[in-house]
């Protein structure tokens, strides 16, 4: 979803590593049910 929605676009020119972190919560229990983490080197996005 992070890639699909373009949330990382403002960081494209960043000179430092960029971490994309996605969290998914259960709407009934309000608990974390899934996560995804990706690290990109500078200019790699």
N, C-alpha and C. Protein backbone atom coordinates (compact mmCIF):
# COMPACT_ATOMS: atom_id res chain seq x y z
N UNK A 1 0.82 -1.20 0.00
CA UNK A 1 0.00 0.00 0.00
C UNK A 1 0.87 1.26 0.00
N UNK A 2 1.99 1.19 0.67
CA UNK A 2 2.88 2.36 0.72
C UNK A 2 3.31 2.74 -0.70
N UNK A 3 3.66 1.75 -1.48
CA UNK A 3 4.09 2.00 -2.86
C UNK A 3 2.91 2.45 -3.72
N UNK A 4 1.76 1.81 -3.54
CA UNK A 4 0.58 2.12 -4.36
C UNK A 4 0.06 3.53 -4.13
N UNK A 5 0.08 3.99 -2.89
CA UNK A 5 -0.43 5.32 -2.54
C UNK A 5 0.59 6.43 -2.77
N UNK A 6 1.85 6.08 -2.99
CA UNK A 6 2.87 7.09 -3.26
C UNK A 6 3.34 7.85 -2.04
N UNK A 7 3.19 7.25 -0.85
CA UNK A 7 3.59 7.94 0.38
C UNK A 7 5.08 8.24 0.43
N UNK A 8 5.89 7.47 -0.26
CA UNK A 8 7.34 7.65 -0.20
C UNK A 8 7.85 8.67 -1.21
N UNK A 9 7.03 9.15 -2.10
CA UNK A 9 7.47 10.09 -3.15
C UNK A 9 8.20 11.32 -2.61
N UNK A 10 7.74 11.95 -1.53
CA UNK A 10 8.47 13.12 -1.02
C UNK A 10 9.89 12.80 -0.56
N UNK A 11 10.20 11.54 -0.32
CA UNK A 11 11.53 11.12 0.15
C UNK A 11 12.44 10.67 -0.98
N UNK A 12 11.97 10.73 -2.20
CA UNK A 12 12.73 10.22 -3.34
C UNK A 12 14.11 10.88 -3.46
N UNK A 13 14.24 12.15 -3.17
CA UNK A 13 15.51 12.86 -3.31
C UNK A 13 16.35 12.84 -2.02
N UNK A 14 15.89 12.13 -1.02
CA UNK A 14 16.58 12.07 0.26
C UNK A 14 17.99 11.49 0.09
N UNK A 15 18.94 12.05 0.82
CA UNK A 15 20.33 11.59 0.74
C UNK A 15 20.67 10.56 1.82
N UNK A 16 19.72 10.31 2.70
CA UNK A 16 19.90 9.31 3.75
C UNK A 16 19.05 8.09 3.44
N UNK A 17 19.32 6.95 4.08
CA UNK A 17 18.47 5.78 3.88
C UNK A 17 17.02 6.10 4.29
N UNK A 18 16.06 5.49 3.61
CA UNK A 18 14.65 5.72 3.89
C UNK A 18 14.02 4.39 4.32
N UNK A 19 13.27 4.42 5.41
CA UNK A 19 12.57 3.25 5.91
C UNK A 19 11.08 3.42 5.62
N UNK A 20 10.49 2.43 4.99
CA UNK A 20 9.05 2.42 4.77
C UNK A 20 8.46 1.40 5.75
N UNK A 21 7.53 1.85 6.57
CA UNK A 21 6.95 0.99 7.60
C UNK A 21 5.43 0.99 7.43
N UNK A 22 4.87 -0.18 7.25
CA UNK A 22 3.42 -0.32 7.10
C UNK A 22 2.86 -1.13 8.26
N UNK A 23 1.80 -0.63 8.88
CA UNK A 23 1.15 -1.31 10.00
C UNK A 23 -0.30 -1.57 9.67
N UNK A 24 -0.79 -2.72 10.07
CA UNK A 24 -2.19 -3.08 9.84
C UNK A 24 -2.82 -3.43 11.18
N UNK A 25 -3.96 -2.79 11.47
CA UNK A 25 -4.65 -3.00 12.73
C UNK A 25 -6.00 -3.66 12.51
N UNK A 26 -6.41 -4.49 13.46
CA UNK A 26 -7.73 -5.09 13.44
C UNK A 26 -8.72 -4.03 13.92
N UNK A 27 -9.77 -3.79 13.16
CA UNK A 27 -10.72 -2.73 13.50
C UNK A 27 -11.56 -3.06 14.74
N UNK A 28 -11.75 -4.34 15.04
CA UNK A 28 -12.56 -4.72 16.20
C UNK A 28 -11.74 -4.73 17.49
N UNK A 29 -10.57 -5.34 17.45
CA UNK A 29 -9.76 -5.46 18.66
C UNK A 29 -8.77 -4.31 18.82
N UNK A 30 -8.57 -3.56 17.74
CA UNK A 30 -7.62 -2.43 17.74
C UNK A 30 -6.19 -2.88 18.07
N UNK A 31 -5.88 -4.08 17.66
CA UNK A 31 -4.53 -4.61 17.88
C UNK A 31 -3.79 -4.71 16.55
N UNK A 32 -2.50 -4.65 16.65
CA UNK A 32 -1.64 -4.82 15.47
C UNK A 32 -1.74 -6.26 14.99
N UNK A 33 -2.05 -6.45 13.70
CA UNK A 33 -2.18 -7.80 13.16
C UNK A 33 -1.13 -8.11 12.10
N UNK A 34 -0.52 -7.09 11.51
CA UNK A 34 0.48 -7.33 10.48
C UNK A 34 1.35 -6.09 10.32
N UNK A 35 2.57 -6.29 9.86
CA UNK A 35 3.45 -5.16 9.59
C UNK A 35 4.42 -5.53 8.48
N UNK A 36 4.98 -4.51 7.85
CA UNK A 36 5.96 -4.71 6.79
C UNK A 36 6.96 -3.57 6.88
N UNK A 37 8.23 -3.90 6.76
CA UNK A 37 9.31 -2.90 6.85
C UNK A 37 10.24 -3.09 5.65
N UNK A 38 10.56 -1.98 5.00
CA UNK A 38 11.51 -2.01 3.88
C UNK A 38 12.49 -0.86 4.06
N UNK A 39 13.76 -1.13 3.80
CA UNK A 39 14.79 -0.10 3.87
C UNK A 39 15.35 0.12 2.47
N UNK A 40 15.45 1.38 2.09
CA UNK A 40 16.00 1.75 0.80
C UNK A 40 17.20 2.65 1.02
N UNK A 41 18.27 2.40 0.27
CA UNK A 41 19.45 3.26 0.31
C UNK A 41 19.11 4.59 -0.35
N UNK A 42 19.92 5.58 -0.11
CA UNK A 42 19.71 6.90 -0.68
C UNK A 42 19.60 6.80 -2.21
N UNK A 43 18.55 7.39 -2.76
CA UNK A 43 18.34 7.41 -4.20
C UNK A 43 17.81 6.12 -4.80
N UNK A 44 17.49 5.15 -3.98
CA UNK A 44 17.04 3.85 -4.45
C UNK A 44 15.52 3.75 -4.66
N UNK A 45 14.77 4.67 -4.10
CA UNK A 45 13.30 4.61 -4.20
C UNK A 45 12.83 4.73 -5.62
